[in-house]
């Protein structure tokens, strides 16, 4: 399913962004390198005790450029997103812009 892109997360409720590796165990592969695993970045907009919206994308690497491109596509610039746990954006201080 593809998003229409018309409903950006506005940050009026909590928006969390994180990246993770998805894929099963690869025989003979140690850690995150190699194998068939994919990196997926997720943005989840929480409302109350549930989730109101979620966007996800497979990315080539967890670089600042890839993470920011995803965030620009799905989150409004003025939204407040905590970056403390995102390795690719740590220390950036620039947020989405």
PDB file of N, CA and C in Angstrom:
ATOM      1  N   UNK A   1       0.849  -1.165   0.000  1.00  0.00           N
ATOM      2  CA  UNK A   1       0.000   0.000   0.000  1.00  0.00           C
ATOM      3  C   UNK A   1       0.897   1.231   0.000  1.00  0.00           C
ATOM      4  N   UNK A   2       0.534   2.216  -0.774  1.00  0.00           N
ATOM      5  CA  UNK A   2       1.307   3.449  -0.852  1.00  0.00           C
ATOM      6  C   UNK A   2       0.485   4.613  -0.313  1.00  0.00           C
ATOM      7  N   UNK A   3       1.164   5.487   0.420  1.00  0.00           N
ATOM      8  CA  UNK A   3       0.499   6.651   0.999  1.00  0.00           C
ATOM      9  C   UNK A   3       0.221   7.700  -0.073  1.00  0.00           C
ATOM     10  N   UNK A   4      -0.851   8.420   0.113  1.00  0.00           N
ATOM     11  CA  UNK A   4      -1.164   9.516  -0.801  1.00  0.00           C
ATOM     12  C   UNK A   4      -0.243  10.705  -0.558  1.00  0.00           C
ATOM     13  N   UNK A   5       0.375  10.753   0.628  1.00  0.00           N
ATOM     14  CA  UNK A   5       1.257  11.865   0.965  1.00  0.00           C
ATOM     15  C   UNK A   5       0.518  13.117   1.385  1.00  0.00           C
ATOM     16  N   UNK A   6      -0.803  13.043   1.489  1.00  0.00           N
ATOM     17  CA  UNK A   6      -1.604  14.220   1.830  1.00  0.00           C
ATOM     18  C   UNK A   6      -1.769  14.431   3.324  1.00  0.00           C
ATOM     19  N   UNK A   7      -1.392  13.469   4.130  1.00  0.00           N
ATOM     20  CA  UNK A   7      -1.658  13.547   5.559  1.00  0.00           C
ATOM     21  C   UNK A   7      -0.359  13.462   6.356  1.00  0.00           C
ATOM     22  N   UNK A   8       0.378  14.550   6.374  1.00  0.00           N
ATOM     23  CA  UNK A   8       1.633  14.586   7.120  1.00  0.00           C
ATOM     24  C   UNK A   8       1.344  14.583   8.618  1.00  0.00           C
ATOM     25  N   UNK A   9       2.198  13.935   9.372  1.00  0.00           N
ATOM     26  CA  UNK A   9       2.076  13.940  10.826  1.00  0.00           C
ATOM     27  C   UNK A   9       2.440  15.330  11.318  1.00  0.00           C
ATOM     28  N   UNK A  10       1.588  15.917  12.162  1.00  0.00           N
ATOM     29  CA  UNK A  10       1.785  17.312  12.548  1.00  0.00           C
ATOM     30  C   UNK A  10       2.431  17.504  13.909  1.00  0.00           C
ATOM     31  N   UNK A  11       2.598  16.433  14.665  1.00  0.00           N
ATOM     32  CA  UNK A  11       3.256  16.551  15.960  1.00  0.00           C
ATOM     33  C   UNK A  11       2.359  17.079  17.061  1.00  0.00           C
ATOM     34  N   UNK A  12       1.046  17.233  16.808  1.00  0.00           N
ATOM     35  CA  UNK A  12       0.120  17.652  17.872  1.00  0.00           C
ATOM     36  C   UNK A  12       0.009  16.558  18.922  1.00  0.00           C
ATOM     37  N   UNK A  13       0.241  15.336  18.499  1.00  0.00           N
ATOM     38  CA  UNK A  13       0.361  14.202  19.416  1.00  0.00           C
ATOM     39  C   UNK A  13       1.786  13.671  19.256  1.00  0.00           C
ATOM     40  N   UNK A  14       2.161  12.701  20.043  1.00  0.00           N
ATOM     41  CA  UNK A  14       3.522  12.184  19.994  1.00  0.00           C
ATOM     42  C   UNK A  14       3.830  11.524  18.652  1.00  0.00           C
ATOM     43  N   UNK A  15       4.998  11.854  18.086  1.00  0.00           N
ATOM     44  CA  UNK A  15       5.500  11.207  16.877  1.00  0.00           C
ATOM     45  C   UNK A  15       6.859  10.603  17.211  1.00  0.00           C
ATOM     46  N   UNK A  16       6.979   9.309  17.047  1.00  0.00           N
ATOM     47  CA  UNK A  16       8.249   8.621  17.271  1.00  0.00           C
ATOM     48  C   UNK A  16       8.778   8.116  15.947  1.00  0.00           C
ATOM     49  N   UNK A  17      10.083   8.265  15.741  1.00  0.00           N
ATOM     50  CA  UNK A  17      10.739   7.784  14.532  1.00  0.00           C
ATOM     51  C   UNK A  17      11.904   6.910  14.959  1.00  0.00           C
ATOM     52  N   UNK A  18      12.043   5.766  14.303  1.00  0.00           N
ATOM     53  CA  UNK A  18      13.149   4.873  14.618  1.00  0.00           C
ATOM     54  C   UNK A  18      13.429   3.995  13.412  1.00  0.00           C
ATOM     55  N   UNK A  19      14.621   3.438  13.391  1.00  0.00           N
ATOM     56  CA  UNK A  19      14.963   2.492  12.335  1.00  0.00           C
ATOM     57  C   UNK A  19      15.242   1.139  12.971  1.00  0.00           C
ATOM     58  N   UNK A  20      15.017   0.082  12.179  1.00  0.00           N
ATOM     59  CA  UNK A  20      15.243  -1.277  12.669  1.00  0.00           C
ATOM     60  C   UNK A  20      15.602  -2.169  11.497  1.00  0.00           C
ATOM     61  N   UNK A  21      16.138  -3.325  11.802  1.00  0.00           N
ATOM     62  CA  UNK A  21      16.442  -4.323  10.779  1.00  0.00           C
ATOM     63  C   UNK A  21      15.336  -5.363  10.786  1.00  0.00           C
ATOM     64  N   UNK A  22      14.879  -5.751   9.594  1.00  0.00           N
ATOM     65  CA  UNK A  22      13.800  -6.717   9.454  1.00  0.00           C
ATOM     66  C   UNK A  22      14.308  -7.874   8.607  1.00  0.00           C
ATOM     67  N   UNK A  23      14.001  -9.061   9.043  1.00  0.00           N
ATOM     68  CA  UNK A  23      14.413 -10.261   8.311  1.00  0.00           C
ATOM     69  C   UNK A  23      14.754 -11.361   9.281  1.00  0.00           C
ATOM     70  N   UNK A  24      14.686 -12.552   8.818  1.00  0.00           N
ATOM     71  CA  UNK A  24      14.960 -13.698   9.675  1.00  0.00           C
ATOM     72  C   UNK A  24      16.440 -13.906   9.902  1.00  0.00           C
ATOM     73  N   UNK A  25      16.749 -14.961  10.613  1.00  0.00           N
ATOM     74  CA  UNK A  25      18.134 -15.322  10.917  1.00  0.00           C
ATOM     75  C   UNK A  25      18.807 -15.841   9.652  1.00  0.00           C
ATOM     76  N   UNK A  26      19.967 -15.268   9.318  1.00  0.00           N
ATOM     77  CA  UNK A  26      20.753 -15.733   8.179  1.00  0.00           C
ATOM     78  C   UNK A  26      21.859 -16.652   8.683  1.00  0.00           C
ATOM     79  N   UNK A  27      21.887 -17.851   8.175  1.00  0.00           N
ATOM     80  CA  UNK A  27      22.887 -18.836   8.600  1.00  0.00           C
ATOM     81  C   UNK A  27      24.298 -18.335   8.295  1.00  0.00           C
ATOM     82  N   UNK A  28      25.157 -18.355   9.300  1.00  0.00           N
ATOM     83  CA  UNK A  28      26.545 -17.977   9.118  1.00  0.00           C
ATOM     84  C   UNK A  28      26.810 -16.483   9.134  1.00  0.00           C
ATOM     85  N   UNK A  29      25.781 -15.662   9.355  1.00  0.00           N
ATOM     86  CA  UNK A  29      25.945 -14.210   9.388  1.00  0.00           C
ATOM     87  C   UNK A  29      25.835 -13.743  10.829  1.00  0.00           C
ATOM     88  N   UNK A  30      26.828 -12.964  11.259  1.00  0.00           N
ATOM     89  CA  UNK A  30      26.827 -12.451  12.618  1.00  0.00           C
ATOM     90  C   UNK A  30      26.511 -10.956  12.580  1.00  0.00           C
ATOM     91  N   UNK A  31      25.588 -10.522  13.432  1.00  0.00           N
ATOM     92  CA  UNK A  31      25.260  -9.103  13.521  1.00  0.00           C
ATOM     93  C   UNK A  31      24.378  -8.626  12.388  1.00  0.00           C
ATOM     94  N   UNK A  32      24.477  -7.334  12.088  1.00  0.00           N
ATOM     95  CA  UNK A  32      23.576  -6.703  11.116  1.00  0.00           C
ATOM     96  C   UNK A  32      24.133  -6.662   9.706  1.00  0.00           C
ATOM     97  N   UNK A  33      25.399  -6.937   9.545  1.00  0.00           N
ATOM     98  CA  UNK A  33      26.023  -6.848   8.222  1.00  0.00           C
ATOM     99  C   UNK A  33      25.773  -8.108   7.415  1.00  0.00           C
ATOM    100  N   UNK A  34      25.639  -7.941   6.130  1.00  0.00           N
ATOM    101  CA  UNK A  34      25.456  -9.070   5.246  1.00  0.00           C
ATOM    102  C   UNK A  34      24.074  -9.678   5.375  1.00  0.00           C
ATOM    103  N   UNK A  35      23.887 -10.791   4.751  1.00  0.00           N
ATOM    104  CA  UNK A  35      22.604 -11.469   4.832  1.00  0.00           C
ATOM    105  C   UNK A  35      21.523 -10.752   4.036  1.00  0.00           C
ATOM    106  N   UNK A  36      20.299 -11.112   4.341  1.00  0.00           N
ATOM    107  CA  UNK A  36      19.157 -10.579   3.587  1.00  0.00           C
ATOM    108  C   UNK A  36      18.344  -9.559   4.362  1.00  0.00           C
ATOM    109  N   UNK A  37      18.817  -9.159   5.519  1.00  0.00           N
ATOM    110  CA  UNK A  37      18.065  -8.204   6.338  1.00  0.00           C
ATOM    111  C   UNK A  37      17.949  -6.857   5.631  1.00  0.00           C
ATOM    112  N   UNK A  38      16.841  -6.182   5.873  1.00  0.00           N
ATOM    113  CA  UNK A  38      16.576  -4.850   5.315  1.00  0.00           C
ATOM    114  C   UNK A  38      16.455  -3.854   6.450  1.00  0.00           C
ATOM    115  N   UNK A  39      16.889  -2.621   6.203  1.00  0.00           N
ATOM    116  CA  UNK A  39      16.710  -1.548   7.180  1.00  0.00           C
ATOM    117  C   UNK A  39      15.379  -0.869   6.874  1.00  0.00           C
ATOM    118  N   UNK A  40      14.549  -0.734   7.900  1.00  0.00           N
ATOM    119  CA  UNK A  40      13.247  -0.094   7.757  1.00  0.00           C
ATOM    120  C   UNK A  40      13.186   1.070   8.731  1.00  0.00           C
ATOM    121  N   UNK A  41      12.775   2.246   8.238  1.00  0.00           N
ATOM    122  CA  UNK A  41      12.552   3.396   9.105  1.00  0.00           C
ATOM    123  C   UNK A  41      11.041   3.532   9.280  1.00  0.00           C
ATOM    124  N   UNK A  42      10.628   3.822  10.530  1.00  0.00           N
ATOM    125  CA  UNK A  42       9.212   3.915  10.884  1.00  0.00           C
ATOM    126  C   UNK A  42       8.921   5.245  11.548  1.00  0.00           C
ATOM    127  N   UNK A  43       7.775   5.813  11.265  1.00  0.00           N
ATOM    128  CA  UNK A  43       7.258   6.973  11.990  1.00  0.00           C
ATOM    129  C   UNK A  43       5.890   6.565  12.515  1.00  0.00           C
ATOM    130  N   UNK A  44       5.708   6.711  13.812  1.00  0.00           N
ATOM    131  CA  UNK A  44       4.446   6.319  14.443  1.00  0.00           C
ATOM    132  C   UNK A  44       3.878   7.516  15.185  1.00  0.00           C
ATOM    133  N   UNK A  45       2.652   7.861  14.868  1.00  0.00           N
ATOM    134  CA  UNK A  45       1.951   8.953  15.538  1.00  0.00           C
ATOM    135  C   UNK A  45       1.006   8.329  16.563  1.00  0.00           C
ATOM    136  N   UNK A  46       1.297   8.589  17.831  1.00  0.00           N
ATOM    137  CA  UNK A  46       0.510   7.998  18.919  1.00  0.00           C
ATOM    138  C   UNK A  46      -0.563   8.976  19.380  1.00  0.00           C
ATOM    139  N   UNK A  47      -1.723   8.427  19.667  1.00  0.00           N
ATOM    140  CA  UNK A  47      -2.823   9.230  20.178  1.00  0.00           C
ATOM    141  C   UNK A  47      -3.490   8.453  21.295  1.00  0.00           C
ATOM    142  N   UNK A  48      -3.413   8.986  22.503  1.00  0.00           N
ATOM    143  CA  UNK A  48      -3.949   8.262  23.653  1.00  0.00           C
ATOM    144  C   UNK A  48      -3.139   7.004  23.884  1.00  0.00           C
ATOM    145  N   UNK A  49      -3.823   5.875  23.988  1.00  0.00           N
ATOM    146  CA  UNK A  49      -3.113   4.626  24.201  1.00  0.00           C
ATOM    147  C   UNK A  49      -2.901   3.843  22.907  1.00  0.00           C
ATOM    148  N   UNK A  50      -3.313   4.415  21.792  1.00  0.00           N
ATOM    149  CA  UNK A  50      -3.204   3.713  20.517  1.00  0.00           C
ATOM    150  C   UNK A  50      -2.340   4.444  19.507  1.00  0.00           C
ATOM    151  N   UNK A  51      -2.335   3.938  18.311  1.00  0.00           N
ATOM    152  CA  UNK A  51      -1.592   4.515  17.192  1.00  0.00           C
ATOM    153  C   UNK A  51      -2.597   5.085  16.203  1.00  0.00           C
ATOM    154  N   UNK A  52      -2.418   6.369  15.833  1.00  0.00           N
ATOM    155  CA  UNK A  52      -3.351   6.957  14.872  1.00  0.00           C
ATOM    156  C   UNK A  52      -2.854   6.800  13.437  1.00  0.00           C
ATOM    157  N   UNK A  53      -1.534   6.878  13.239  1.00  0.00           N
ATOM    158  CA  UNK A  53      -0.965   6.690  11.900  1.00  0.00           C
ATOM    159  C   UNK A  53       0.425   6.101  12.014  1.00  0.00           C
ATOM    160  N   UNK A  54       0.843   5.390  10.952  1.00  0.00           N
ATOM    161  CA  UNK A  54       2.191   4.858  10.895  1.00  0.00           C
ATOM    162  C   UNK A  54       2.647   4.832   9.450  1.00  0.00           C
ATOM    163  N   UNK A  55       3.876   5.263   9.221  1.00  0.00           N
ATOM    164  CA  UNK A  55       4.498   5.177   7.909  1.00  0.00           C
ATOM    165  C   UNK A  55       5.791   4.389   8.050  1.00  0.00           C
ATOM    166  N   UNK A  56       6.145   3.617   7.029  1.00  0.00           N
ATOM    167  CA  UNK A  56       7.379   2.844   7.045  1.00  0.00           C
ATOM    168  C   UNK A  56       7.972   2.838   5.642  1.00  0.00           C
ATOM    169  N   UNK A  57       9.302   2.703   5.578  1.00  0.00           N
ATOM    170  CA  UNK A  57       9.988   2.640   4.284  1.00  0.00           C
ATOM    171  C   UNK A  57      11.275   1.834   4.441  1.00  0.00           C
ATOM    172  N   UNK A  58      11.547   0.986   3.468  1.00  0.00           N
ATOM    173  CA  UNK A  58      12.837   0.295   3.407  1.00  0.00           C
ATOM    174  C   UNK A  58      13.852   1.295   2.872  1.00  0.00           C
ATOM    175  N   UNK A  59      15.006   1.408   3.558  1.00  0.00           N
ATOM    176  CA  UNK A  59      16.058   2.342   3.143  1.00  0.00           C
ATOM    177  C   UNK A  59      17.362   1.575   2.967  1.00  0.00           C
ATOM    178  N   UNK A  60      18.274   2.141   2.154  1.00  0.00           N
ATOM    179  CA  UNK A  60      19.559   1.486   1.891  1.00  0.00           C
ATOM    180  C   UNK A  60      20.487   1.537   3.089  1.00  0.00           C
ATOM    181  N   UNK A  61      20.462   2.651   3.820  1.00  0.00           N
ATOM    182  CA  UNK A  61      21.314   2.808   4.997  1.00  0.00           C
ATOM    183  C   UNK A  61      20.623   3.767   5.963  1.00  0.00           C
ATOM    184  N   UNK A  62      21.042   3.736   7.212  1.00  0.00           N
ATOM    185  CA  UNK A  62      20.457   4.613   8.228  1.00  0.00           C
ATOM    186  C   UNK A  62      21.236   5.925   8.288  1.00  0.00           C
ATOM    187  N   UNK A  63      21.506   6.495   7.129  1.00  0.00           N
ATOM    188  CA  UNK A  63      22.237   7.763   7.057  1.00  0.00           C
ATOM    189  C   UNK A  63      21.307   8.932   7.358  1.00  0.00           C
ATOM    190  N   UNK A  64      21.882  10.073   7.735  1.00  0.00           N
ATOM    191  CA  UNK A  64      21.081  11.278   7.991  1.00  0.00           C
ATOM    192  C   UNK A  64      20.248  11.630   6.778  1.00  0.00           C
ATOM    193  N   UNK A  65      20.832  11.512   5.596  1.00  0.00           N
ATOM    194  CA  UNK A  65      20.122  11.886   4.374  1.00  0.00           C
ATOM    195  C   UNK A  65      18.879  11.017   4.168  1.00  0.00           C
ATOM    196  N   UNK A  66      19.022   9.698   4.318  1.00  0.00           N
ATOM    197  CA  UNK A  66      17.876   8.802   4.133  1.00  0.00           C
ATOM    198  C   UNK A  66      16.795   9.029   5.183  1.00  0.00           C
ATOM    199  N   UNK A  67      17.206   9.216   6.446  1.00  0.00           N
ATOM    200  CA  UNK A  67      16.238   9.434   7.511  1.00  0.00           C
ATOM    201  C   UNK A  67      15.504  10.761   7.325  1.00  0.00           C
ATOM    202  N   UNK A  68      16.233  11.811   6.980  1.00  0.00           N
ATOM    203  CA  UNK A  68      15.591  13.113   6.782  1.00  0.00           C
ATOM    204  C   UNK A  68      14.653  13.109   5.577  1.00  0.00           C
ATOM    205  N   UNK A  69      15.024  12.418   4.504  1.00  0.00           N
ATOM    206  CA  UNK A  69      14.148  12.339   3.331  1.00  0.00           C
ATOM    207  C   UNK A  69      12.826  11.675   3.702  1.00  0.00           C
ATOM    208  N   UNK A  70      12.899  10.583   4.459  1.00  0.00           N
ATOM    209  CA  UNK A  70      11.683   9.900   4.924  1.00  0.00           C
ATOM    210  C   UNK A  70      10.841  10.839   5.785  1.00  0.00           C
ATOM    211  N   UNK A  71      11.495  11.539   6.709  1.00  0.00           N
ATOM    212  CA  UNK A  71      10.770  12.425   7.621  1.00  0.00           C
ATOM    213  C   UNK A  71      10.130  13.591   6.872  1.00  0.00           C
ATOM    214  N   UNK A  72      10.804  14.152   5.893  1.00  0.00           N
ATOM    215  CA  UNK A  72      10.222  15.246   5.100  1.00  0.00           C
ATOM    216  C   UNK A  72       8.985  14.779   4.337  1.00  0.00           C
ATOM    217  N   UNK A  73       8.984  13.516   3.920  1.00  0.00           N
ATOM    218  CA  UNK A  73       7.858  12.977   3.162  1.00  0.00           C
ATOM    219  C   UNK A  73       6.628  12.706   4.026  1.00  0.00           C
ATOM    220  N   UNK A  74       6.829  12.518   5.363  1.00  0.00           N
ATOM    221  CA  UNK A  74       5.715  12.070   6.198  1.00  0.00           C
ATOM    222  C   UNK A  74       5.438  12.903   7.444  1.00  0.00           C
ATOM    223  N   UNK A  75       6.321  13.842   7.796  1.00  0.00           N
ATOM    224  CA  UNK A  75       6.152  14.607   9.033  1.00  0.00           C
ATOM    225  C   UNK A  75       6.308  16.087   8.733  1.00  0.00           C
ATOM    226  N   UNK A  76       5.397  16.909   9.252  1.00  0.00           N
ATOM    227  CA  UNK A  76       5.510  18.355   9.062  1.00  0.00           C
ATOM    228  C   UNK A  76       6.772  18.880   9.744  1.00  0.00           C
ATOM    229  N   UNK A  77       7.364  19.901   9.150  1.00  0.00           N
ATOM    230  CA  UNK A  77       8.616  20.473   9.645  1.00  0.00           C
ATOM    231  C   UNK A  77       8.481  20.964  11.080  1.00  0.00           C
ATOM    232  N   UNK A  78       7.329  21.533  11.425  1.00  0.00           N
ATOM    233  CA  UNK A  78       7.157  22.108  12.767  1.00  0.00           C
ATOM    234  C   UNK A  78       6.851  21.061  13.850  1.00  0.00           C
ATOM    235  N   UNK A  79       6.698  19.800  13.469  1.00  0.00           N
ATOM    236  CA  UNK A  79       6.409  18.755  14.453  1.00  0.00           C
ATOM    237  C   UNK A  79       7.600  18.542  15.376  1.00  0.00           C
ATOM    238  N   UNK A  80       7.313  18.242  16.615  1.00  0.00           N
ATOM    239  CA  UNK A  80       8.360  17.951  17.583  1.00  0.00           C
ATOM    240  C   UNK A  80       8.573  16.444  17.627  1.00  0.00           C
ATOM    241  N   UNK A  81       9.753  16.031  17.197  1.00  0.00           N
ATOM    242  CA  UNK A  81      10.098  14.616  17.166  1.00  0.00           C
ATOM    243  C   UNK A  81      11.343  14.422  18.025  1.00  0.00           C
ATOM    244  N   UNK A  82      11.285  13.561  19.037  1.00  0.00           N
ATOM    245  CA  UNK A  82      12.489  13.319  19.848  1.00  0.00           C
ATOM    246  C   UNK A  82      13.528  12.538  19.045  1.00  0.00           C
ATOM    247  N   UNK A  83      14.753  13.070  18.965  1.00  0.00           N
ATOM    248  CA  UNK A  83      15.799  12.434  18.163  1.00  0.00           C
ATOM    249  C   UNK A  83      16.815  11.678  18.996  1.00  0.00           C
ATOM    250  N   UNK A  84      16.659  11.644  20.308  1.00  0.00           N
ATOM    251  CA  UNK A  84      17.667  11.081  21.193  1.00  0.00           C
ATOM    252  C   UNK A  84      18.048   9.644  20.908  1.00  0.00           C
ATOM    253  N   UNK A  85      17.133   8.830  20.401  1.00  0.00           N
ATOM    254  CA  UNK A  85      17.422   7.418  20.218  1.00  0.00           C
ATOM    255  C   UNK A  85      17.747   7.062  18.779  1.00  0.00           C
ATOM    256  N   UNK A  86      17.704   8.033  17.874  1.00  0.00           N
ATOM    257  CA  UNK A  86      17.982   7.746  16.467  1.00  0.00           C
ATOM    258  C   UNK A  86      19.454   7.964  16.168  1.00  0.00           C
ATOM    259  N   UNK A  87      20.191   6.892  16.025  1.00  0.00           N
ATOM    260  CA  UNK A  87      21.621   6.981  15.785  1.00  0.00           C
ATOM    261  C   UNK A  87      21.985   7.850  14.596  1.00  0.00           C
ATOM    262  N   UNK A  88      21.231   7.760  13.512  1.00  0.00           N
ATOM    263  CA  UNK A  88      21.538   8.509  12.303  1.00  0.00           C
ATOM    264  C   UNK A  88      21.360  10.005  12.446  1.00  0.00           C
ATOM    265  N   UNK A  89      20.581  10.458  13.438  1.00  0.00           N
ATOM    266  CA  UNK A  89      20.334  11.886  13.612  1.00  0.00           C
ATOM    267  C   UNK A  89      20.906  12.439  14.908  1.00  0.00           C
ATOM    268  N   UNK A  90      21.549  11.605  15.710  1.00  0.00           N
ATOM    269  CA  UNK A  90      22.083  12.081  16.990  1.00  0.00           C
ATOM    270  C   UNK A  90      23.091  13.204  16.766  1.00  0.00           C
ATOM    271  N   UNK A  91      22.967  14.219  17.575  1.00  0.00           N
ATOM    272  CA  UNK A  91      23.904  15.326  17.504  1.00  0.00           C
ATOM    273  C   UNK A  91      23.657  16.274  16.358  1.00  0.00           C
ATOM    274  N   UNK A  92      22.659  16.001  15.534  1.00  0.00           N
ATOM    275  CA  UNK A  92      22.391  16.838  14.380  1.00  0.00           C
ATOM    276  C   UNK A  92      21.818  18.182  14.793  1.00  0.00           C
ATOM    277  N   UNK A  93      20.812  18.166  15.672  1.00  0.00           N
ATOM    278  CA  UNK A  93      20.214  19.392  16.184  1.00  0.00           C
ATOM    279  C   UNK A  93      19.384  20.156  15.169  1.00  0.00           C
ATOM    280  N   UNK A  94      19.299  19.689  13.924  1.00  0.00           N
ATOM    281  CA  UNK A  94      18.576  20.410  12.880  1.00  0.00           C
ATOM    282  C   UNK A  94      17.180  19.865  12.659  1.00  0.00           C
ATOM    283  N   UNK A  95      16.882  18.716  13.214  1.00  0.00           N
ATOM    284  CA  UNK A  95      15.558  18.136  13.010  1.00  0.00           C
ATOM    285  C   UNK A  95      15.301  17.796  11.571  1.00  0.00           C
ATOM    286  N   UNK A  96      14.090  18.042  11.128  1.00  0.00           N
ATOM    287  CA  UNK A  96      13.677  17.652   9.794  1.00  0.00           C
ATOM    288  C   UNK A  96      14.171  18.605   8.719  1.00  0.00           C
ATOM    289  N   UNK A  97      14.268  19.885   9.027  1.00  0.00           N
ATOM    290  CA  UNK A  97      14.582  20.878   7.986  1.00  0.00           C
ATOM    291  C   UNK A  97      15.945  20.695   7.371  1.00  0.00           C
TER     292      UNK A  97
END
